[in-house]
Amino acid sequence: MTPSPNDIFALRRRRGESRARFGRRFAVTARAIESWEQLDPAGRPRRTPRGLALAKLRTLLRQP
């Protein structure tokens, strides 16, 4: 399961992190985080996390 843009945004806000700081956790740019959090005009995520970043996100989303 790939986290939705809303899941990613909520996780980042819950942790109180900027896009830049959150991106460093996943070794991606703040722009990549922004793309993960936004939808394109058709309602699909602009970009989705892959590989290690996706695995880390899934782990963080499972934590209370």
C-alpha atoms as a PDB file:
ATOM      1  CA  MET A   1       0.000   0.000   0.000  1.00  0.00           C
ATOM      2  CA  THR A   2       1.295   3.424  -0.953  1.00  0.00           C
ATOM      3  CA  PRO A   3       0.431   6.197   1.528  1.00  0.00           C
ATOM      4  CA  SER A   4      -1.942   8.858   0.245  1.00  0.00           C
ATOM      5  CA  PRO A   5      -0.851  12.496  -0.035  1.00  0.00           C
ATOM      6  CA  ASN A   6      -3.081  13.241   2.971  1.00  0.00           C
ATOM      7  CA  ASP A   7      -1.356  10.509   5.012  1.00  0.00           C
ATOM      8  CA  ILE A   8       2.074  11.933   4.222  1.00  0.00           C
ATOM      9  CA  PHE A   9       1.013  15.502   4.982  1.00  0.00           C
ATOM     10  CA  ALA A  10      -0.652  14.466   8.271  1.00  0.00           C
ATOM     11  CA  LEU A  11       2.419  12.477   9.341  1.00  0.00           C
ATOM     12  CA  ARG A  12       4.741  15.395   8.629  1.00  0.00           C
ATOM     13  CA  ARG A  13       2.491  17.848  10.494  1.00  0.00           C
ATOM     14  CA  ARG A  14       2.053  15.488  13.442  1.00  0.00           C
ATOM     15  CA  ARG A  15       5.835  15.310  13.756  1.00  0.00           C
ATOM     16  CA  GLY A  16       6.067  19.106  13.496  1.00  0.00           C
ATOM     17  CA  GLU A  17       8.625  18.980  10.685  1.00  0.00           C
ATOM     18  CA  SER A  18       9.162  21.218   7.705  1.00  0.00           C
ATOM     19  CA  ARG A  19       9.304  19.647   4.264  1.00  0.00           C
ATOM     20  CA  ALA A  20      13.080  20.110   4.235  1.00  0.00           C
ATOM     21  CA  ARG A  21      13.602  18.376   7.574  1.00  0.00           C
ATOM     22  CA  PHE A  22      11.161  15.596   6.728  1.00  0.00           C
ATOM     23  CA  GLY A  23      12.921  15.144   3.379  1.00  0.00           C
ATOM     24  CA  ARG A  24      16.310  14.718   5.047  1.00  0.00           C
ATOM     25  CA  ARG A  25      14.855  11.769   6.978  1.00  0.00           C
ATOM     26  CA  PHE A  26      14.165  10.075   3.630  1.00  0.00           C
ATOM     27  CA  ALA A  27      17.178  11.413   1.705  1.00  0.00           C
ATOM     28  CA  VAL A  28      14.949  13.354  -0.705  1.00  0.00           C
ATOM     29  CA  THR A  29      14.451  17.052  -1.386  1.00  0.00           C
ATOM     30  CA  ALA A  30      11.756  19.264   0.074  1.00  0.00           C
ATOM     31  CA  ARG A  31      10.382  19.487  -3.465  1.00  0.00           C
ATOM     32  CA  ALA A  32       9.940  15.698  -3.548  1.00  0.00           C
ATOM     33  CA  ILE A  33       7.999  15.844  -0.268  1.00  0.00           C
ATOM     34  CA  GLU A  34       5.841  18.599  -1.738  1.00  0.00           C
ATOM     35  CA  SER A  35       5.168  16.410  -4.792  1.00  0.00           C
ATOM     36  CA  TRP A  36       4.212  13.472  -2.556  1.00  0.00           C
ATOM     37  CA  GLU A  37       1.710  15.700  -0.731  1.00  0.00           C
ATOM     38  CA  GLN A  38       0.044  17.237  -3.800  1.00  0.00           C
ATOM     39  CA  LEU A  39      -2.481  15.933  -6.302  1.00  0.00           C
ATOM     40  CA  ASP A  40      -2.387  16.566 -10.038  1.00  0.00           C
ATOM     41  CA  PRO A  41      -5.459  18.007 -11.832  1.00  0.00           C
ATOM     42  CA  ALA A  42      -6.832  14.467 -12.315  1.00  0.00           C
ATOM     43  CA  GLY A  43      -6.719  13.841  -8.552  1.00  0.00           C
ATOM     44  CA  ARG A  44      -3.694  11.509  -8.560  1.00  0.00           C
ATOM     45  CA  PRO A  45      -0.532  12.066  -6.496  1.00  0.00           C
ATOM     46  CA  ARG A  46       2.064  14.059  -8.462  1.00  0.00           C
ATOM     47  CA  ARG A  47       4.764  11.645  -7.274  1.00  0.00           C
ATOM     48  CA  THR A  48       4.762   8.665  -4.981  1.00  0.00           C
ATOM     49  CA  PRO A  49       7.518   7.501  -2.655  1.00  0.00           C
ATOM     50  CA  ARG A  50       9.445   4.411  -3.734  1.00  0.00           C
ATOM     51  CA  GLY A  51      12.079   2.081  -2.367  1.00  0.00           C
ATOM     52  CA  LEU A  52      13.579   2.814   1.016  1.00  0.00           C
ATOM     53  CA  ALA A  53      11.592   6.050   1.425  1.00  0.00           C
ATOM     54  CA  LEU A  54       8.350   4.095   0.995  1.00  0.00           C
ATOM     55  CA  ALA A  55       9.455   1.473   3.526  1.00  0.00           C
ATOM     56  CA  LYS A  56      10.361   4.176   6.072  1.00  0.00           C
ATOM     57  CA  LEU A  57       7.038   5.953   5.522  1.00  0.00           C
ATOM     58  CA  ARG A  58       5.089   2.753   6.073  1.00  0.00           C
ATOM     59  CA  THR A  59       6.960   2.165   9.340  1.00  0.00           C
ATOM     60  CA  LEU A  60       6.318   5.708  10.571  1.00  0.00           C
ATOM     61  CA  LEU A  61       2.631   5.520   9.634  1.00  0.00           C
ATOM     62  CA  ARG A  62       2.218   2.358  11.734  1.00  0.00           C
ATOM     63  CA  GLN A  63       3.585   4.086  14.862  1.00  0.00           C
ATOM     64  CA  PRO A  64       1.043   5.784  17.157  1.00  0.00           C
END
